[in-house]
Amino acid sequence: MEAARMQAQDAARPDGAWLLEEISRSVVRLHKEYIGQGPTKARTYIGDDLVVCVLQGGFSRAERTLLEHGRTGTVIHQRQALDEALRQPLTDTIERLVERKVIGLTSAVQPDGELSTMVCLLEPASPARGVASRLLRTRDIRPTSRPLP
């Protein structure tokens, strides 16, 4: 039943939109599972050999308190440690969804604005190169939310 519903949704979406939205949903779901709360907005872009997720929101009350008291470095180090713990589940998820091997994953956090990014480098799909990438974007998790800058 679930598979039939997802296939019907796929047929109604523009090419690639389902994949972008599923990557965004999966990344948010993993953050919620491992960190306790997830981003409130997510957007995914895919290029030739690249997957980029931009996340906004989801900082804890404790992180916000630290930021208010000038402890930005502490929040960054904590987020980096959490990103390291998420590395393998994120890699597994991206590989399953895009059906390609992730050969590199890096992430960064910018406490001002509660922004985070995740960049996955994919194993090349074919030896032929030189075609310009076409970037696609997902909708925000909450359609009524303000778009990311």
Protein backbone atom coordinates (compact mmCIF):
# COMPACT_ATOMS: atom_id res chain seq x y z
CA MET A 1 0.00 0.00 0.00
CA GLU A 2 2.78 2.46 0.96
CA ALA A 3 4.77 1.61 -2.19
CA ALA A 4 1.72 2.26 -4.37
CA ARG A 5 1.14 5.63 -2.70
CA MET A 6 4.79 6.63 -3.21
CA GLN A 7 4.68 5.54 -6.87
CA ALA A 8 1.59 7.68 -7.40
CA GLN A 9 3.38 10.63 -5.81
CA ASP A 10 6.42 10.03 -8.01
CA ALA A 11 4.33 10.15 -11.17
CA ALA A 12 2.87 13.52 -10.17
CA ARG A 13 6.24 15.22 -9.46
CA PRO A 14 8.74 16.81 -11.79
CA ASP A 15 11.83 14.75 -12.60
CA GLY A 16 14.10 14.41 -9.57
CA ALA A 17 11.85 16.24 -7.10
CA TRP A 18 10.96 13.06 -5.22
CA LEU A 19 14.63 12.16 -4.71
CA LEU A 20 15.51 15.64 -3.46
CA GLU A 21 12.63 15.69 -1.01
CA GLU A 22 13.40 12.17 0.22
CA ILE A 23 17.04 13.06 0.86
CA SER A 24 15.92 16.14 2.83
CA ARG A 25 13.37 14.13 4.83
CA SER A 26 15.89 11.38 5.55
CA VAL A 27 18.59 13.80 6.74
CA VAL A 28 16.08 15.53 9.03
CA ARG A 29 14.88 12.15 10.33
CA LEU A 30 18.45 11.08 11.16
CA HIS A 31 19.11 14.35 13.00
CA LYS A 32 15.94 13.81 15.05
CA GLU A 33 16.90 10.21 15.80
CA TYR A 34 20.51 10.92 16.81
CA ILE A 35 20.30 14.45 18.25
CA GLY A 36 16.78 14.54 19.65
CA GLN A 37 15.46 17.27 17.40
CA GLY A 38 16.01 18.08 13.79
CA PRO A 39 16.22 21.07 11.50
CA THR A 40 13.01 22.97 10.79
CA LYS A 41 13.97 23.58 7.16
CA ALA A 42 15.99 21.54 4.70
CA ARG A 43 16.90 21.91 1.07
CA THR A 44 18.84 19.47 -1.09
CA TYR A 45 20.75 20.11 -4.30
CA ILE A 46 22.23 17.48 -6.62
CA GLY A 47 24.94 18.08 -9.22
CA ASP A 48 26.90 15.58 -11.31
CA ASP A 49 28.81 13.97 -8.45
CA LEU A 50 27.60 16.08 -5.56
CA VAL A 51 24.74 16.09 -3.05
CA VAL A 52 24.41 19.19 -0.86
CA CYS A 53 21.95 19.56 2.00
CA VAL A 54 21.38 22.94 3.63
CA LEU A 55 19.68 22.72 7.01
CA GLN A 56 18.27 25.48 9.18
CA GLY A 57 17.00 25.48 12.73
CA GLY A 58 16.88 22.66 15.21
CA PHE A 59 19.39 23.95 17.76
CA SER A 60 18.57 22.91 21.30
CA ARG A 61 17.70 25.25 24.13
CA ALA A 62 21.11 24.41 25.67
CA GLU A 63 22.91 25.37 22.44
CA ARG A 64 21.01 28.63 22.24
CA THR A 65 21.90 29.38 25.87
CA LEU A 66 25.58 28.75 25.13
CA LEU A 67 25.40 31.03 22.10
CA GLU A 68 23.76 33.80 24.15
CA HIS A 69 26.69 33.56 26.59
CA GLY A 70 29.36 33.81 23.91
CA ARG A 71 30.22 30.10 23.78
CA THR A 72 30.01 29.77 19.99
CA GLY A 73 33.11 27.56 19.85
CA THR A 74 31.55 25.08 22.27
CA VAL A 75 28.43 24.79 20.12
CA ILE A 76 30.51 24.33 16.95
CA HIS A 77 32.65 21.60 18.57
CA GLN A 78 29.56 19.80 19.87
CA ARG A 79 27.89 19.93 16.47
CA GLN A 80 31.07 18.66 14.79
CA ALA A 81 31.14 15.70 17.19
CA LEU A 82 27.49 14.95 16.45
CA ASP A 83 28.13 15.22 12.71
CA GLU A 84 30.93 12.65 13.09
CA ALA A 85 28.51 10.29 14.87
CA LEU A 86 26.05 10.75 12.00
CA ARG A 87 28.65 10.20 9.26
CA GLN A 88 27.98 6.50 8.60
CA PRO A 89 24.17 6.62 8.84
CA LEU A 90 24.14 9.65 6.51
CA THR A 91 26.52 7.96 4.07
CA ASP A 92 24.41 4.77 4.06
CA THR A 93 21.22 6.76 3.50
CA ILE A 94 22.60 8.85 0.62
CA GLU A 95 24.09 5.77 -1.07
CA ARG A 96 20.77 3.92 -0.80
CA LEU A 97 18.78 6.83 -2.22
CA VAL A 98 21.05 7.91 -5.07
CA GLU A 99 22.29 4.37 -5.78
CA ARG A 100 25.91 5.53 -5.92
CA LYS A 101 28.86 5.27 -3.57
CA VAL A 102 29.67 8.26 -1.36
CA ILE A 103 33.45 8.79 -1.52
CA GLY A 104 33.52 11.86 0.71
CA LEU A 105 31.25 13.57 3.20
CA THR A 106 31.90 16.86 4.93
CA SER A 107 29.71 19.07 7.06
CA ALA A 108 29.81 22.48 8.63
CA VAL A 109 27.80 24.51 11.08
CA GLN A 110 27.20 28.24 11.28
CA PRO A 111 25.57 29.01 14.63
CA ASP A 112 24.48 32.47 13.49
CA GLY A 113 21.21 31.64 11.78
CA GLU A 114 21.33 28.01 12.96
CA LEU A 115 22.63 26.87 9.57
CA SER A 116 24.30 23.56 8.79
CA THR A 117 25.49 22.04 5.54
CA MET A 118 26.31 18.52 4.47
CA VAL A 119 28.21 17.89 1.25
CA CYS A 120 28.57 14.39 -0.22
CA LEU A 121 30.98 13.67 -3.04
CA LEU A 122 29.75 10.74 -5.12
CA GLU A 123 31.76 8.25 -7.07
CA PRO A 124 31.56 9.34 -10.73
CA ALA A 125 28.60 7.77 -12.52
CA SER A 126 30.53 7.43 -15.78
CA PRO A 127 33.92 8.38 -17.18
CA ALA A 128 32.33 10.92 -19.55
CA ARG A 129 32.56 14.43 -18.05
CA GLY A 130 32.16 17.99 -19.14
CA VAL A 131 28.38 18.35 -19.17
CA ALA A 132 27.25 21.24 -16.99
CA SER A 133 25.46 20.28 -13.79
CA ARG A 134 21.83 21.00 -13.40
CA LEU A 135 20.96 21.84 -9.81
CA LEU A 136 17.58 20.95 -8.43
CA ARG A 137 16.08 22.12 -5.17
CA THR A 138 13.54 20.79 -2.72
CA ARG A 139 10.81 22.67 -1.01
CA ASP A 140 11.21 23.68 2.61
CA ILE A 141 9.99 21.09 5.09
CA ARG A 142 7.23 23.46 6.13
CA PRO A 143 5.80 24.96 2.93
CA THR A 144 4.74 28.11 4.79
CA SER A 145 8.24 28.74 6.14
CA ARG A 146 10.51 31.46 4.81
CA PRO A 147 13.03 30.20 2.22
CA LEU A 148 16.65 29.89 3.21
CA PRO A 149 18.83 32.89 2.32
